[in-house]
Structure formats: structure tokens, C-alpha cells
């Protein structure tokens, strides 16, 4: 769009003001002086009734009459659709185009709208039939698929999987809004998140000399969370549904911060006690045992596939490789 279309016409002062229906009846700030100086303000088809009433806009005349009027008067057309016949006609005649400036994150509003449509009458029967319980497995699956994308550093997959995880958040929030006993919606979820982020970052949004670096910030976060949630135990709030290795590391971390002596951690010769001890030692060293184990497991996965490919190329049947053939084709072995 050239500069002449970005500012009100120097000849007639005519303009097309686009509004973004995701933002309600908000008018772009640049349009205010144009509307004040206009001799006539019209509302294009598709504009909401509340926007028509707030702006005092009237129904526009037929297109030929509108264009003729615009040649002699400062006409402003408020529209929600850029490619309507009236908008196209005015723009082709030299009227200025004033666009809305949606804030960062406005696309999330579209995502909420689509989710609402899917759950509403006339939407998708499958989506409308889901519950918090039926969606649980999808939340777990999508989270692990995102972890896989992060592991592979696959940017395209990361975008897709982040969207799938976001879908689960929107889905659960929409289901929650329909609960007759204790309803809440996505705005409530977002508002509580904002409140939490602000309250737990006093060094950013207020003055807190206790925070000097990332380590002290982490400690301060835990202190504020403990006070905020009024927890009775150092291990309150640890999600028991997470993978066992991650659960062991989280419990060991909470115990260490609470001052529990290391000799009181689970001990013994059983596989579970040994795994817990390994997870606790990894956490104490600043490592994530879940990530460490996952990396080793994925590397092992690659070696198995490489050995099978090598054996296949040599003509062996990979459905029943002997120990000798596994060793012969194992990558890294002479």
C-alpha cells in the first residue's frame, strides 16, 4: 500500500476505517481526527450494531452515489471487511485506508473463537462430546510429541506441537466454562496466570532486593509459592502423575531444599531404591534425570536401528538376529 493510501486524502479527506471484530468496537486511534472532521460517516455491511451505534454511522448510499458524494465531501466508511464493494470502490477512488493495529497475541482470540464454535450448537459433535477425563490422554500425548519436537530441534514440528498443546488448554478451559457448579473460562485462566507471574516476580514488577541472580530468583519463587498456596508440606504440589524418574527427582529436590538429610532418602538393594538414588544424585548435580535417561534411550534407539540396517544390507533377516550378528553390526564395534 503506497503512502497516499495510508493517510487521509489531501483532496477530499475521505477514508476507509477498518475495525478488527476480535477487538470489539475499538476504533484505530489514527481514525479519531478523521472521524471528527468528516461530513458524513457511514457503516459498511458486516459492521456490528454496537459499532454502528457507538460511531453514529449511517447506512451508506448505493455505490455510485457514495463515490459521487466522496468527490465533494469528507466521507468516512467504517468497515470490518477490506474487500467489500464499497471499500474497494472508495479505495480505488483515492480514499485513505486506516487499518487497525491488533496487539501482540491477537491471534489467540481467533483460537478461542474457533474453540467456542466447535463446542457450540451446530459445531463439531466429537468436540462437543469431550470431557476433562476424555481429553486427558490427548494432553499427555501432545506434551510428549512437543518434547520430541524439542529434542529434534524441528522448528516446524515445534510450531505445530505448541499449537496442539495450546488446543488442549483452550479445550479444557471451554469445557470448564460449561460446568454449572463451578464455571470458569479461558479469561479466568489467563488472569490467574498473569497474577501469578506478577506476584512471583517482585524483582521485575516491584522492588525485591532478595533477588540477585537466577539461583536466588528460583529460591524466591519457591518461597513465594509456598506462602501463596499455604502449603503444609515441602512436597505439597508435586504432581504424582509425572514419569517416575522425574517424580523421584522432584521429591529429592523438594526434600533437599527443606533440609532433609541425604541419609533419609530411600535406600536399599531393590531396583526402585537404586533408581531413586540415581535420580536424586543427578538432581543434586543440577541435571534432569528424565532428560539424561531420555537422551541415552534415544541414542540406544538409533543404535538398534543402525544395526538392523547394517544387517539388512548384508542380507540377514532382521526378524531373528543372533547375539553374534547383533554384535557384528552394532555401530562403534570393530
C-alpha atoms as a PDB file:
ATOM      1  CA  UNK A   1       0.000   0.000   0.000  1.00  0.00           C
ATOM      2  CA  UNK A   2       1.545   3.356  -1.028  1.00  0.00           C
ATOM      3  CA  UNK A   3       1.874   6.351   1.283  1.00  0.00           C
ATOM      4  CA  UNK A   4      -1.102   8.115  -0.301  1.00  0.00           C
ATOM      5  CA  UNK A   5      -3.353   5.266   0.839  1.00  0.00           C
ATOM      6  CA  UNK A   6      -2.011   5.303   4.396  1.00  0.00           C
ATOM      7  CA  UNK A   7      -3.048   8.904   5.197  1.00  0.00           C
ATOM      8  CA  UNK A   8      -6.346  10.753   4.650  1.00  0.00           C
ATOM      9  CA  UNK A   9      -6.723  12.132   1.140  1.00  0.00           C
ATOM     10  CA  UNK A  10      -5.328  15.669   0.799  1.00  0.00           C
ATOM     11  CA  UNK A  11      -8.126  16.442  -1.677  1.00  0.00           C
ATOM     12  CA  UNK A  12     -11.329  15.169  -0.120  1.00  0.00           C
ATOM     13  CA  UNK A  13     -10.346  13.847   3.302  1.00  0.00           C
ATOM     14  CA  UNK A  14     -12.217  10.651   2.527  1.00  0.00           C
ATOM     15  CA  UNK A  15     -11.130   7.488   4.323  1.00  0.00           C
ATOM     16  CA  UNK A  16     -11.964   3.860   4.952  1.00  0.00           C
ATOM     17  CA  UNK A  17     -11.561   2.876   8.583  1.00  0.00           C
ATOM     18  CA  UNK A  18     -11.182  -0.847   9.155  1.00  0.00           C
ATOM     19  CA  UNK A  19     -12.083  -2.342  12.522  1.00  0.00           C
ATOM     20  CA  UNK A  20     -10.975  -5.704  13.880  1.00  0.00           C
ATOM     21  CA  UNK A  21     -14.008  -7.531  15.242  1.00  0.00           C
ATOM     22  CA  UNK A  22     -11.727  -9.533  17.538  1.00  0.00           C
ATOM     23  CA  UNK A  23     -11.152  -6.308  19.477  1.00  0.00           C
ATOM     24  CA  UNK A  24     -14.807  -5.470  19.925  1.00  0.00           C
ATOM     25  CA  UNK A  25     -15.841  -1.995  18.773  1.00  0.00           C
ATOM     26  CA  UNK A  26     -12.366  -0.480  19.073  1.00  0.00           C
ATOM     27  CA  UNK A  27     -11.585   2.226  16.508  1.00  0.00           C
ATOM     28  CA  UNK A  28      -7.932   2.799  15.454  1.00  0.00           C
ATOM     29  CA  UNK A  29      -6.519   5.891  17.164  1.00  0.00           C
ATOM     30  CA  UNK A  30      -5.450   7.326  13.783  1.00  0.00           C
ATOM     31  CA  UNK A  31      -9.110   7.369  12.747  1.00  0.00           C
ATOM     32  CA  UNK A  32     -10.298   9.692  15.531  1.00  0.00           C
ATOM     33  CA  UNK A  33      -9.325  13.037  13.903  1.00  0.00           C
ATOM     34  CA  UNK A  34     -10.607  11.796  10.547  1.00  0.00           C
ATOM     35  CA  UNK A  35     -13.988  10.901  12.034  1.00  0.00           C
ATOM     36  CA  UNK A  36     -14.213  14.258  13.796  1.00  0.00           C
ATOM     37  CA  UNK A  37     -13.626  16.183  10.588  1.00  0.00           C
ATOM     38  CA  UNK A  38     -15.855  14.019   8.395  1.00  0.00           C
ATOM     39  CA  UNK A  39     -19.004  15.459   6.944  1.00  0.00           C
ATOM     40  CA  UNK A  40     -20.573  12.014   6.720  1.00  0.00           C
ATOM     41  CA  UNK A  41     -19.784   8.700   8.454  1.00  0.00           C
ATOM     42  CA  UNK A  42     -21.223   5.503   7.021  1.00  0.00           C
ATOM     43  CA  UNK A  43     -21.171   1.916   8.254  1.00  0.00           C
ATOM     44  CA  UNK A  44     -20.423  -0.826   5.747  1.00  0.00           C
ATOM     45  CA  UNK A  45     -22.325  -4.095   5.796  1.00  0.00           C
ATOM     46  CA  UNK A  46     -20.918  -6.566   8.294  1.00  0.00           C
ATOM     47  CA  UNK A  47     -20.254  -3.951  10.966  1.00  0.00           C
ATOM     48  CA  UNK A  48     -21.787  -4.853  14.328  1.00  0.00           C
ATOM     49  CA  UNK A  49     -24.823  -2.957  15.528  1.00  0.00           C
ATOM     50  CA  UNK A  50     -22.954  -1.786  18.630  1.00  0.00           C
ATOM     51  CA  UNK A  51     -20.172  -0.359  16.450  1.00  0.00           C
ATOM     52  CA  UNK A  52     -22.727   1.420  14.273  1.00  0.00           C
ATOM     53  CA  UNK A  53     -24.394   2.938  17.312  1.00  0.00           C
ATOM     54  CA  UNK A  54     -21.152   3.983  19.020  1.00  0.00           C
ATOM     55  CA  UNK A  55     -19.814   5.705  15.920  1.00  0.00           C
ATOM     56  CA  UNK A  56     -23.104   7.292  14.891  1.00  0.00           C
ATOM     57  CA  UNK A  57     -22.574   5.839  11.429  1.00  0.00           C
ATOM     58  CA  UNK A  58     -25.458   5.644   8.985  1.00  0.00           C
ATOM     59  CA  UNK A  59     -26.260   3.274   6.167  1.00  0.00           C
ATOM     60  CA  UNK A  60     -24.248   4.219   3.060  1.00  0.00           C
ATOM     61  CA  UNK A  61     -25.999   5.091  -0.198  1.00  0.00           C
ATOM     62  CA  UNK A  62     -25.594   2.907  -3.262  1.00  0.00           C
ATOM     63  CA  UNK A  63     -22.041   2.595  -4.559  1.00  0.00           C
ATOM     64  CA  UNK A  64     -22.319   5.125  -7.449  1.00  0.00           C
ATOM     65  CA  UNK A  65     -23.930   7.691  -5.146  1.00  0.00           C
ATOM     66  CA  UNK A  66     -21.341   7.023  -2.422  1.00  0.00           C
ATOM     67  CA  UNK A  67     -18.470   7.589  -4.842  1.00  0.00           C
ATOM     68  CA  UNK A  68     -20.056  10.751  -6.186  1.00  0.00           C
ATOM     69  CA  UNK A  69     -20.593  12.044  -2.660  1.00  0.00           C
ATOM     70  CA  UNK A  70     -16.974  11.298  -1.789  1.00  0.00           C
ATOM     71  CA  UNK A  71     -15.798  13.586  -4.591  1.00  0.00           C
ATOM     72  CA  UNK A  72     -17.320  16.581  -2.838  1.00  0.00           C
ATOM     73  CA  UNK A  73     -17.394  15.720   0.869  1.00  0.00           C
ATOM     74  CA  UNK A  74     -15.125  14.207   3.529  1.00  0.00           C
ATOM     75  CA  UNK A  75     -16.793  10.810   3.664  1.00  0.00           C
ATOM     76  CA  UNK A  76     -15.636   8.108   6.080  1.00  0.00           C
ATOM     77  CA  UNK A  77     -16.695   4.495   5.732  1.00  0.00           C
ATOM     78  CA  UNK A  78     -16.237   2.219   8.745  1.00  0.00           C
ATOM     79  CA  UNK A  79     -15.900  -1.393   7.690  1.00  0.00           C
ATOM     80  CA  UNK A  80     -14.997  -4.807   9.056  1.00  0.00           C
ATOM     81  CA  UNK A  81     -14.217  -6.321   5.651  1.00  0.00           C
ATOM     82  CA  UNK A  82     -11.455  -4.876   3.475  1.00  0.00           C
ATOM     83  CA  UNK A  83     -12.656  -6.349   0.210  1.00  0.00           C
ATOM     84  CA  UNK A  84     -16.307  -5.340   0.204  1.00  0.00           C
ATOM     85  CA  UNK A  85     -17.657  -3.490  -2.837  1.00  0.00           C
ATOM     86  CA  UNK A  86     -17.990  -0.151  -1.010  1.00  0.00           C
ATOM     87  CA  UNK A  87     -14.476  -0.335   0.451  1.00  0.00           C
ATOM     88  CA  UNK A  88     -12.909  -1.316  -2.865  1.00  0.00           C
ATOM     89  CA  UNK A  89     -14.741   1.483  -4.655  1.00  0.00           C
ATOM     90  CA  UNK A  90     -13.628   4.199  -2.221  1.00  0.00           C
ATOM     91  CA  UNK A  91     -10.035   2.980  -2.144  1.00  0.00           C
ATOM     92  CA  UNK A  92      -9.830   2.877  -5.937  1.00  0.00           C
ATOM     93  CA  UNK A  93     -11.026   6.486  -5.945  1.00  0.00           C
ATOM     94  CA  UNK A  94      -8.156   7.599  -3.713  1.00  0.00           C
ATOM     95  CA  UNK A  95      -9.599   7.323  -0.215  1.00  0.00           C
ATOM     96  CA  UNK A  96      -7.152   6.686   2.596  1.00  0.00           C
ATOM     97  CA  UNK A  97      -7.091   3.297   4.327  1.00  0.00           C
ATOM     98  CA  UNK A  98      -6.703   3.264   8.083  1.00  0.00           C
ATOM     99  CA  UNK A  99      -6.058  -0.207   9.435  1.00  0.00           C
ATOM    100  CA  UNK A 100      -6.457  -1.472  12.976  1.00  0.00           C
ATOM    101  CA  UNK A 101      -3.337  -2.388  14.902  1.00  0.00           C
ATOM    102  CA  UNK A 102      -4.094  -5.604  16.780  1.00  0.00           C
ATOM    103  CA  UNK A 103      -1.888  -6.148  19.826  1.00  0.00           C
ATOM    104  CA  UNK A 104       0.638  -8.955  20.006  1.00  0.00           C
ATOM    105  CA  UNK A 105      -1.244 -12.160  20.749  1.00  0.00           C
ATOM    106  CA  UNK A 106      -4.464 -11.156  18.979  1.00  0.00           C
ATOM    107  CA  UNK A 107      -4.432 -14.437  17.044  1.00  0.00           C
ATOM    108  CA  UNK A 108      -5.174 -16.167  20.342  1.00  0.00           C
ATOM    109  CA  UNK A 109      -8.588 -14.516  20.201  1.00  0.00           C
ATOM    110  CA  UNK A 110      -9.272 -16.337  16.931  1.00  0.00           C
ATOM    111  CA  UNK A 111      -8.223 -19.610  18.550  1.00  0.00           C
ATOM    112  CA  UNK A 112     -10.687 -19.023  21.413  1.00  0.00           C
ATOM    113  CA  UNK A 113     -13.447 -18.153  18.937  1.00  0.00           C
ATOM    114  CA  UNK A 114     -12.860 -21.322  16.909  1.00  0.00           C
ATOM    115  CA  UNK A 115     -12.872 -23.443  20.068  1.00  0.00           C
ATOM    116  CA  UNK A 116     -16.152 -21.857  21.154  1.00  0.00           C
ATOM    117  CA  UNK A 117     -17.656 -22.550  17.719  1.00  0.00           C
ATOM    118  CA  UNK A 118     -16.631 -26.201  17.843  1.00  0.00           C
ATOM    119  CA  UNK A 119     -18.271 -26.704  21.245  1.00  0.00           C
ATOM    120  CA  UNK A 120     -21.423 -24.704  20.487  1.00  0.00           C
ATOM    121  CA  UNK A 121     -24.662 -25.990  18.904  1.00  0.00           C
ATOM    122  CA  UNK A 122     -24.076 -26.585  15.215  1.00  0.00           C
ATOM    123  CA  UNK A 123     -20.378 -27.197  15.805  1.00  0.00           C
ATOM    124  CA  UNK A 124     -18.493 -30.489  15.852  1.00  0.00           C
ATOM    125  CA  UNK A 125     -20.282 -33.411  17.590  1.00  0.00           C
ATOM    126  CA  UNK A 126     -16.965 -35.029  18.601  1.00  0.00           C
ATOM    127  CA  UNK A 127     -15.576 -31.834  20.116  1.00  0.00           C
ATOM    128  CA  UNK A 128     -18.871 -31.126  21.859  1.00  0.00           C
ATOM    129  CA  UNK A 129     -18.826 -34.579  23.446  1.00  0.00           C
ATOM    130  CA  UNK A 130     -15.407 -34.325  25.093  1.00  0.00           C
ATOM    131  CA  UNK A 131     -14.891 -34.027  28.844  1.00  0.00           C
ATOM    132  CA  UNK A 132     -11.914 -33.309  31.083  1.00  0.00           C
ATOM    133  CA  UNK A 133     -11.478 -37.056  31.553  1.00  0.00           C
ATOM    134  CA  UNK A 134     -11.725 -37.975  27.871  1.00  0.00           C
ATOM    135  CA  UNK A 135      -9.169 -35.299  26.973  1.00  0.00           C
ATOM    136  CA  UNK A 136      -6.524 -36.435  29.470  1.00  0.00           C
ATOM    137  CA  UNK A 137      -4.836 -38.896  27.137  1.00  0.00           C
ATOM    138  CA  UNK A 138      -4.560 -36.255  24.391  1.00  0.00           C
ATOM    139  CA  UNK A 139      -2.900 -33.791  26.758  1.00  0.00           C
ATOM    140  CA  UNK A 140      -0.265 -36.385  27.641  1.00  0.00           C
ATOM    141  CA  UNK A 141       0.254 -37.409  24.010  1.00  0.00           C
ATOM    142  CA  UNK A 142       0.571 -33.835  22.741  1.00  0.00           C
ATOM    143  CA  UNK A 143       3.004 -32.954  25.524  1.00  0.00           C
ATOM    144  CA  UNK A 144       5.274 -35.848  24.615  1.00  0.00           C
ATOM    145  CA  UNK A 145       5.044 -35.006  20.918  1.00  0.00           C
ATOM    146  CA  UNK A 146       6.173 -31.471  21.771  1.00  0.00           C
ATOM    147  CA  UNK A 147       9.059 -32.898  23.787  1.00  0.00           C
ATOM    148  CA  UNK A 148      10.046 -34.982  20.753  1.00  0.00           C
ATOM    149  CA  UNK A 149       9.998 -31.887  18.530  1.00  0.00           C
ATOM    150  CA  UNK A 150      12.156 -30.002  21.032  1.00  0.00           C
ATOM    151  CA  UNK A 151      14.568 -32.916  21.211  1.00  0.00           C
ATOM    152  CA  UNK A 152      14.904 -32.976  17.398  1.00  0.00           C
ATOM    153  CA  UNK A 153      15.174 -29.158  17.185  1.00  0.00           C
ATOM    154  CA  UNK A 154      12.493 -29.371  14.486  1.00  0.00           C
ATOM    155  CA  UNK A 155      11.161 -25.820  14.247  1.00  0.00           C
ATOM    156  CA  UNK A 156       8.173 -26.690  12.045  1.00  0.00           C
ATOM    157  CA  UNK A 157       7.171 -29.530  14.355  1.00  0.00           C
ATOM    158  CA  UNK A 158       7.643 -27.270  17.389  1.00  0.00           C
ATOM    159  CA  UNK A 159       5.168 -24.756  15.963  1.00  0.00           C
ATOM    160  CA  UNK A 160       2.646 -27.488  15.262  1.00  0.00           C
ATOM    161  CA  UNK A 161       3.023 -29.248  18.599  1.00  0.00           C
ATOM    162  CA  UNK A 162       2.907 -25.998  20.591  1.00  0.00           C
ATOM    163  CA  UNK A 163      -0.391 -25.345  18.808  1.00  0.00           C
ATOM    164  CA  UNK A 164      -1.644 -28.802  19.766  1.00  0.00           C
ATOM    165  CA  UNK A 165      -0.740 -28.214  23.422  1.00  0.00           C
ATOM    166  CA  UNK A 166      -2.447 -24.808  23.255  1.00  0.00           C
ATOM    167  CA  UNK A 167      -5.515 -26.549  21.851  1.00  0.00           C
ATOM    168  CA  UNK A 168      -5.655 -28.716  24.959  1.00  0.00           C
ATOM    169  CA  UNK A 169      -5.540 -25.621  27.183  1.00  0.00           C
ATOM    170  CA  UNK A 170      -8.348 -23.968  25.195  1.00  0.00           C
ATOM    171  CA  UNK A 171     -10.339 -27.207  25.174  1.00  0.00           C
ATOM    172  CA  UNK A 172     -10.185 -27.711  28.941  1.00  0.00           C
ATOM    173  CA  UNK A 173     -10.973 -24.039  29.583  1.00  0.00           C
ATOM    174  CA  UNK A 174     -14.034 -24.240  27.304  1.00  0.00           C
ATOM    175  CA  UNK A 175     -15.240 -27.428  28.985  1.00  0.00           C
ATOM    176  CA  UNK A 176     -14.748 -25.765  32.377  1.00  0.00           C
ATOM    177  CA  UNK A 177     -16.864 -22.797  31.276  1.00  0.00           C
ATOM    178  CA  UNK A 178     -19.814 -25.147  30.790  1.00  0.00           C
ATOM    179  CA  UNK A 179     -19.659 -26.526  34.338  1.00  0.00           C
ATOM    180  CA  UNK A 180     -22.814 -25.432  36.144  1.00  0.00           C
ATOM    181  CA  UNK A 181     -21.357 -25.906  39.644  1.00  0.00           C
ATOM    182  CA  UNK A 182     -18.036 -24.053  39.337  1.00  0.00           C
ATOM    183  CA  UNK A 183     -17.619 -22.477  35.893  1.00  0.00           C
ATOM    184  CA  UNK A 184     -14.506 -20.612  34.794  1.00  0.00           C
ATOM    185  CA  UNK A 185     -13.285 -19.704  31.337  1.00  0.00           C
ATOM    186  CA  UNK A 186     -10.088 -19.001  29.433  1.00  0.00           C
ATOM    187  CA  UNK A 187     -10.076 -15.373  30.605  1.00  0.00           C
ATOM    188  CA  UNK A 188     -10.080 -16.552  34.216  1.00  0.00           C
ATOM    189  CA  UNK A 189      -7.214 -18.908  33.453  1.00  0.00           C
ATOM    190  CA  UNK A 190      -5.218 -16.124  31.795  1.00  0.00           C
ATOM    191  CA  UNK A 191      -5.974 -13.630  34.581  1.00  0.00           C
ATOM    192  CA  UNK A 192      -4.775 -16.046  37.265  1.00  0.00           C
ATOM    193  CA  UNK A 193      -1.617 -16.739  35.254  1.00  0.00           C
ATOM    194  CA  UNK A 194      -0.877 -13.012  34.964  1.00  0.00           C
ATOM    195  CA  UNK A 195      -1.479 -12.528  38.680  1.00  0.00           C
ATOM    196  CA  UNK A 196       0.858 -15.421  39.485  1.00  0.00           C
ATOM    197  CA  UNK A 197       3.639 -14.194  37.187  1.00  0.00           C
ATOM    198  CA  UNK A 198       3.466 -10.680  38.589  1.00  0.00           C
ATOM    199  CA  UNK A 199       3.355 -11.735  42.244  1.00  0.00           C
ATOM    200  CA  UNK A 200       6.225 -14.194  41.822  1.00  0.00           C
ATOM    201  CA  UNK A 201       8.472 -11.713  40.032  1.00  0.00           C
ATOM    202  CA  UNK A 202       8.607  -8.827  42.525  1.00  0.00           C
ATOM    203  CA  UNK A 203      12.118  -8.008  41.306  1.00  0.00           C
ATOM    204  CA  UNK A 204      10.577  -7.192  37.906  1.00  0.00           C
ATOM    205  CA  UNK A 205       7.234  -5.622  38.827  1.00  0.00           C
ATOM    206  CA  UNK A 206       8.227  -4.183  42.221  1.00  0.00           C
ATOM    207  CA  UNK A 207      11.315  -3.854  44.410  1.00  0.00           C
ATOM    208  CA  UNK A 208      12.819  -7.022  45.854  1.00  0.00           C
ATOM    209  CA  UNK A 209      16.460  -6.880  46.907  1.00  0.00           C
ATOM    210  CA  UNK A 210      16.432 -10.598  47.751  1.00  0.00           C
ATOM    211  CA  UNK A 211      16.735 -11.470  44.052  1.00  0.00           C
ATOM    212  CA  UNK A 212      20.231 -11.020  42.638  1.00  0.00           C
ATOM    213  CA  UNK A 213      20.602 -13.783  40.054  1.00  0.00           C
ATOM    214  CA  UNK A 214      18.809 -16.762  38.507  1.00  0.00           C
ATOM    215  CA  UNK A 215      19.556 -19.017  41.503  1.00  0.00           C
ATOM    216  CA  UNK A 216      18.191 -16.563  44.064  1.00  0.00           C
ATOM    217  CA  UNK A 217      15.175 -15.955  41.813  1.00  0.00           C
ATOM    218  CA  UNK A 218      14.408 -19.688  41.785  1.00  0.00           C
ATOM    219  CA  UNK A 219      14.637 -19.842  45.570  1.00  0.00           C
ATOM    220  CA  UNK A 220      12.464 -16.745  45.903  1.00  0.00           C
ATOM    221  CA  UNK A 221       9.899 -18.259  43.517  1.00  0.00           C
ATOM    222  CA  UNK A 222       9.599 -21.320  45.753  1.00  0.00           C
ATOM    223  CA  UNK A 223       9.272 -19.148  48.882  1.00  0.00           C
ATOM    224  CA  UNK A 224       6.521 -17.043  47.338  1.00  0.00           C
ATOM    225  CA  UNK A 225       4.732 -20.128  46.030  1.00  0.00           C
ATOM    226  CA  UNK A 226       4.879 -21.774  49.461  1.00  0.00           C
ATOM    227  CA  UNK A 227       3.392 -18.682  51.118  1.00  0.00           C
ATOM    228  CA  UNK A 228       0.812 -18.144  48.379  1.00  0.00           C
ATOM    229  CA  UNK A 229      -0.515 -21.694  48.430  1.00  0.00           C
ATOM    230  CA  UNK A 230      -0.176 -22.042  52.221  1.00  0.00           C
ATOM    231  CA  UNK A 231       1.340 -25.484  51.843  1.00  0.00           C
ATOM    232  CA  UNK A 232       1.730 -27.631  54.912  1.00  0.00           C
ATOM    233  CA  UNK A 233       4.427 -29.892  53.494  1.00  0.00           C
ATOM    234  CA  UNK A 234       7.603 -29.361  51.497  1.00  0.00           C
ATOM    235  CA  UNK A 235       6.332 -31.904  48.980  1.00  0.00           C
ATOM    236  CA  UNK A 236       2.829 -30.469  48.573  1.00  0.00           C
ATOM    237  CA  UNK A 237       2.052 -29.720  44.944  1.00  0.00           C
ATOM    238  CA  UNK A 238       4.379 -32.331  43.434  1.00  0.00           C
ATOM    239  CA  UNK A 239       2.434 -33.986  40.609  1.00  0.00           C
ATOM    240  CA  UNK A 240       2.334 -37.722  41.296  1.00  0.00           C
ATOM    241  CA  UNK A 241       1.192 -38.456  37.758  1.00  0.00           C
ATOM    242  CA  UNK A 242       4.505 -37.484  36.147  1.00  0.00           C
ATOM    243  CA  UNK A 243       7.015 -40.122  34.986  1.00  0.00           C
ATOM    244  CA  UNK A 244       8.610 -41.973  37.917  1.00  0.00           C
ATOM    245  CA  UNK A 245      12.172 -40.752  37.331  1.00  0.00           C
ATOM    246  CA  UNK A 246      11.000 -37.122  37.140  1.00  0.00           C
ATOM    247  CA  UNK A 247       8.844 -37.679  40.230  1.00  0.00           C
ATOM    248  CA  UNK A 248      11.811 -39.064  42.187  1.00  0.00           C
ATOM    249  CA  UNK A 249      13.994 -36.109  41.172  1.00  0.00           C
ATOM    250  CA  UNK A 250      11.313 -33.573  42.104  1.00  0.00           C
ATOM    251  CA  UNK A 251      10.745 -35.135  45.512  1.00  0.00           C
ATOM    252  CA  UNK A 252      14.501 -35.284  46.125  1.00  0.00           C
ATOM    253  CA  UNK A 253      14.782 -31.606  45.144  1.00  0.00           C
ATOM    254  CA  UNK A 254      11.996 -30.547  47.494  1.00  0.00           C
ATOM    255  CA  UNK A 255      13.487 -32.648  50.301  1.00  0.00           C
ATOM    256  CA  UNK A 256      16.956 -31.177  49.785  1.00  0.00           C
ATOM    257  CA  UNK A 257      15.618 -27.610  49.877  1.00  0.00           C
ATOM    258  CA  UNK A 258      13.686 -28.420  53.035  1.00  0.00           C
ATOM    259  CA  UNK A 259      16.886 -29.667  54.683  1.00  0.00           C
ATOM    260  CA  UNK A 260      16.075 -33.392  54.713  1.00  0.00           C
ATOM    261  CA  UNK A 261      19.410 -35.228  55.305  1.00  0.00           C
ATOM    262  CA  UNK A 262      20.631 -37.316  52.379  1.00  0.00           C
ATOM    263  CA  UNK A 263      20.774 -40.460  54.525  1.00  0.00           C
ATOM    264  CA  UNK A 264      16.985 -40.330  54.903  1.00  0.00           C
ATOM    265  CA  UNK A 265      16.383 -40.732  51.174  1.00  0.00           C
ATOM    266  CA  UNK A 266      15.148 -44.156  50.020  1.00  0.00           C
ATOM    267  CA  UNK A 267      17.943 -46.736  50.160  1.00  0.00           C
ATOM    268  CA  UNK A 268      18.268 -50.437  49.583  1.00  0.00           C
ATOM    269  CA  UNK A 269      19.238 -53.029  47.030  1.00  0.00           C
ATOM    270  CA  UNK A 270      15.958 -53.076  45.151  1.00  0.00           C
ATOM    271  CA  UNK A 271      15.727 -51.684  41.632  1.00  0.00           C
ATOM    272  CA  UNK A 272      13.329 -48.941  42.718  1.00  0.00           C
ATOM    273  CA  UNK A 273      15.579 -47.712  45.525  1.00  0.00           C
ATOM    274  CA  UNK A 274      18.598 -47.751  43.226  1.00  0.00           C
ATOM    275  CA  UNK A 275      16.738 -45.780  40.569  1.00  0.00           C
ATOM    276  CA  UNK A 276      15.570 -43.244  43.158  1.00  0.00           C
ATOM    277  CA  UNK A 277      19.154 -42.844  44.403  1.00  0.00           C
ATOM    278  CA  UNK A 278      20.410 -42.293  40.848  1.00  0.00           C
ATOM    279  CA  UNK A 279      17.682 -39.711  40.183  1.00  0.00           C
ATOM    280  CA  UNK A 280      18.445 -37.909  43.454  1.00  0.00           C
ATOM    281  CA  UNK A 281      22.185 -37.784  42.708  1.00  0.00           C
ATOM    282  CA  UNK A 282      21.521 -36.419  39.216  1.00  0.00           C
ATOM    283  CA  UNK A 283      19.230 -33.719  40.601  1.00  0.00           C
ATOM    284  CA  UNK A 284      21.821 -32.788  43.231  1.00  0.00           C
ATOM    285  CA  UNK A 285      24.346 -32.267  40.404  1.00  0.00           C
ATOM    286  CA  UNK A 286      21.942 -29.927  38.631  1.00  0.00           C
ATOM    287  CA  UNK A 287      20.946 -32.474  35.984  1.00  0.00           C
ATOM    288  CA  UNK A 288      17.464 -33.502  34.919  1.00  0.00           C
ATOM    289  CA  UNK A 289      17.487 -37.316  35.251  1.00  0.00           C
ATOM    290  CA  UNK A 290      14.465 -37.609  32.974  1.00  0.00           C
ATOM    291  CA  UNK A 291      16.332 -35.771  30.201  1.00  0.00           C
ATOM    292  CA  UNK A 292      19.532 -37.722  30.873  1.00  0.00           C
ATOM    293  CA  UNK A 293      17.758 -41.072  30.679  1.00  0.00           C
ATOM    294  CA  UNK A 294      15.789 -39.962  27.644  1.00  0.00           C
ATOM    295  CA  UNK A 295      18.989 -38.993  25.796  1.00  0.00           C
ATOM    296  CA  UNK A 296      20.560 -42.397  26.498  1.00  0.00           C
ATOM    297  CA  UNK A 297      17.348 -44.174  25.472  1.00  0.00           C
ATOM    298  CA  UNK A 298      17.134 -42.255  22.182  1.00  0.00           C
ATOM    299  CA  UNK A 299      20.798 -42.952  21.430  1.00  0.00           C
ATOM    300  CA  UNK A 300      20.150 -46.651  22.080  1.00  0.00           C
ATOM    301  CA  UNK A 301      17.141 -46.489  19.753  1.00  0.00           C
ATOM    302  CA  UNK A 302      19.383 -45.111  16.991  1.00  0.00           C
ATOM    303  CA  UNK A 303      21.998 -47.838  17.533  1.00  0.00           C
ATOM    304  CA  UNK A 304      19.371 -50.588  17.297  1.00  0.00           C
ATOM    305  CA  UNK A 305      18.083 -49.138  14.037  1.00  0.00           C
ATOM    306  CA  UNK A 306      21.604 -48.716  12.660  1.00  0.00           C
ATOM    307  CA  UNK A 307      22.499 -52.328  13.494  1.00  0.00           C
ATOM    308  CA  UNK A 308      19.302 -53.581  11.847  1.00  0.00           C
ATOM    309  CA  UNK A 309      20.005 -51.508   8.730  1.00  0.00           C
ATOM    310  CA  UNK A 310      23.564 -52.838   8.550  1.00  0.00           C
ATOM    311  CA  UNK A 311      22.397 -56.432   8.958  1.00  0.00           C
ATOM    312  CA  UNK A 312      19.683 -55.927   6.348  1.00  0.00           C
ATOM    313  CA  UNK A 313      22.236 -54.623   3.853  1.00  0.00           C
ATOM    314  CA  UNK A 314      24.328 -57.742   4.408  1.00  0.00           C
ATOM    315  CA  UNK A 315      21.339 -59.916   3.554  1.00  0.00           C
ATOM    316  CA  UNK A 316      20.446 -61.037   7.087  1.00  0.00           C
ATOM    317  CA  UNK A 317      16.867 -61.480   8.260  1.00  0.00           C
ATOM    318  CA  UNK A 318      16.366 -58.837  10.976  1.00  0.00           C
ATOM    319  CA  UNK A 319      13.388 -60.670  12.481  1.00  0.00           C
ATOM    320  CA  UNK A 320      15.669 -63.059  14.328  1.00  0.00           C
ATOM    321  CA  UNK A 321      19.222 -61.751  14.600  1.00  0.00           C
ATOM    322  CA  UNK A 322      21.543 -63.814  16.761  1.00  0.00           C
ATOM    323  CA  UNK A 323      23.640 -62.281  19.511  1.00  0.00           C
ATOM    324  CA  UNK A 324      26.679 -62.705  17.255  1.00  0.00           C
ATOM    325  CA  UNK A 325      25.041 -60.773  14.403  1.00  0.00           C
ATOM    326  CA  UNK A 326      23.848 -58.035  16.747  1.00  0.00           C
ATOM    327  CA  UNK A 327      27.436 -57.564  17.944  1.00  0.00           C
ATOM    328  CA  UNK A 328      28.855 -57.727  14.437  1.00  0.00           C
ATOM    329  CA  UNK A 329      26.577 -54.986  13.114  1.00  0.00           C
ATOM    330  CA  UNK A 330      26.403 -52.849  16.284  1.00  0.00           C
ATOM    331  CA  UNK A 331      27.666 -49.330  15.475  1.00  0.00           C
ATOM    332  CA  UNK A 332      31.015 -48.425  17.003  1.00  0.00           C
ATOM    333  CA  UNK A 333      32.216 -52.050  17.363  1.00  0.00           C
ATOM    334  CA  UNK A 334      35.212 -53.309  15.406  1.00  0.00           C
END
